[in-house]
Amino acid sequence: FAGQGLLFWAPGQTFSINASHYSTAQLTHCMHAYDLVAAKETYVNLDYRQSGIGSNSCGPRLDSCWQLNEKEFCCTFALKPVFVNDIDPFREILPRA
């Protein structure tokens, strides 16, 4: 319905988010954009961290500061259903003064 949504946040952390009507599997296996068939569902991907691009196969080795080498880590995401006109996202996610 119009105006309904979800508010995602990770208290005290940054993250990447993507919402699409195409699954990761479909995006991986389709050879051409015209082969994609939009789903009625919305797929949401939340990434706490990502390793940088580079593998030394066709350029310099990825600098260690851009590598994701952690074997274990902890991350907390919050998710809240919202109505667009009833919410100020900054009030929701910023600490109260």
Protein backbone atom coordinates (compact mmCIF):
# COMPACT_ATOMS: atom_id res chain seq x y z
CA PHE A 1 0.00 0.00 0.00
CA ALA A 2 1.17 3.54 -0.68
CA GLY A 3 3.06 5.13 2.16
CA GLN A 4 3.98 1.92 3.98
CA GLY A 5 7.61 1.02 4.38
CA LEU A 6 10.40 -0.25 6.56
CA LEU A 7 13.02 1.75 8.41
CA PHE A 8 16.40 -0.01 8.67
CA TRP A 9 19.24 1.19 10.87
CA ALA A 10 22.35 -0.12 12.61
CA PRO A 11 22.87 1.87 15.82
CA GLY A 12 26.37 3.38 15.85
CA GLN A 13 27.41 1.64 12.62
CA THR A 14 27.36 2.26 8.91
CA PHE A 15 26.08 -0.28 6.41
CA SER A 16 25.02 -0.70 2.80
CA ILE A 17 21.44 -1.49 1.78
CA ASN A 18 19.87 -2.47 -1.53
CA ALA A 19 16.22 -3.18 -2.36
CA SER A 20 15.25 -4.79 -5.66
CA HIS A 21 12.50 -6.76 -7.36
CA TYR A 22 15.20 -9.14 -8.65
CA SER A 23 16.80 -11.88 -6.54
CA THR A 24 20.56 -12.16 -6.21
CA ALA A 25 20.38 -15.51 -8.02
CA GLN A 26 18.45 -13.99 -10.92
CA LEU A 27 20.88 -11.08 -11.23
CA THR A 28 23.80 -13.51 -11.18
CA HIS A 29 22.46 -15.90 -13.80
CA CYS A 30 20.73 -13.62 -16.33
CA MET A 31 22.96 -12.74 -19.25
CA HIS A 32 20.95 -9.69 -20.38
CA ALA A 33 18.77 -7.09 -18.68
CA TYR A 34 15.82 -8.06 -20.88
CA ASP A 35 15.96 -11.59 -19.37
CA LEU A 36 15.12 -10.24 -15.91
CA VAL A 37 11.57 -10.78 -14.67
CA ALA A 38 10.52 -8.54 -11.79
CA ALA A 39 9.12 -10.39 -8.79
CA LYS A 40 6.18 -9.09 -6.78
CA GLU A 41 8.38 -9.44 -3.69
CA THR A 42 11.08 -6.95 -2.76
CA TYR A 43 14.47 -8.45 -1.96
CA VAL A 44 16.46 -6.50 0.63
CA ASN A 45 20.21 -6.96 1.07
CA LEU A 46 21.94 -5.49 4.12
CA ASP A 47 25.74 -5.53 4.15
CA TYR A 48 27.59 -4.81 7.37
CA ARG A 49 30.94 -4.63 5.60
CA GLN A 50 32.34 -5.42 2.19
CA SER A 51 35.82 -6.22 1.06
CA GLY A 52 37.21 -3.85 -1.54
CA ILE A 53 37.59 -4.78 -5.19
CA GLY A 54 40.92 -6.16 -6.35
CA SER A 55 42.62 -9.52 -6.38
CA ASN A 56 46.02 -8.89 -7.96
CA SER A 57 44.78 -10.78 -11.06
CA CYS A 58 44.69 -7.64 -13.21
CA GLY A 59 46.22 -4.89 -11.14
CA PRO A 60 47.73 -4.17 -7.76
CA ARG A 61 46.96 -6.26 -4.69
CA LEU A 62 44.18 -4.84 -2.52
CA ASP A 63 45.62 -2.76 0.33
CA SER A 64 45.06 -4.42 3.72
CA CYS A 65 42.95 -1.49 5.00
CA TRP A 66 40.30 -2.37 2.38
CA GLN A 67 40.27 -6.12 3.03
CA LEU A 68 37.63 -7.87 5.11
CA ASN A 69 39.66 -10.40 7.08
CA GLU A 70 37.63 -10.80 10.27
CA LYS A 71 36.74 -14.41 11.09
CA GLU A 72 34.01 -13.32 13.52
CA PHE A 73 32.18 -10.04 14.01
CA CYS A 74 29.01 -8.76 15.59
CA CYS A 75 26.54 -6.36 14.01
CA THR A 76 23.03 -5.37 15.01
CA PHE A 77 20.42 -4.11 12.57
CA ALA A 78 17.09 -2.66 13.60
CA LEU A 79 13.98 -2.83 11.46
CA LYS A 80 10.70 -1.02 12.04
CA PRO A 81 7.48 -0.90 9.98
CA VAL A 82 6.48 2.70 9.27
CA PHE A 83 4.01 4.93 7.46
CA VAL A 84 5.82 7.58 5.45
CA ASN A 85 3.84 10.56 6.74
CA ASP A 86 4.04 9.44 10.39
CA ILE A 87 7.82 9.31 10.77
CA ASP A 88 10.92 11.46 10.85
CA PRO A 89 13.70 8.90 10.29
CA PHE A 90 16.33 11.12 11.91
CA ARG A 91 14.29 11.31 15.12
CA GLU A 92 13.96 7.54 15.06
CA ILE A 93 17.65 6.73 14.69
CA LEU A 94 19.49 9.57 16.43
CA PRO A 95 20.04 9.37 20.18
CA ARG A 96 17.76 11.53 22.28
CA ALA A 97 19.48 14.61 23.75
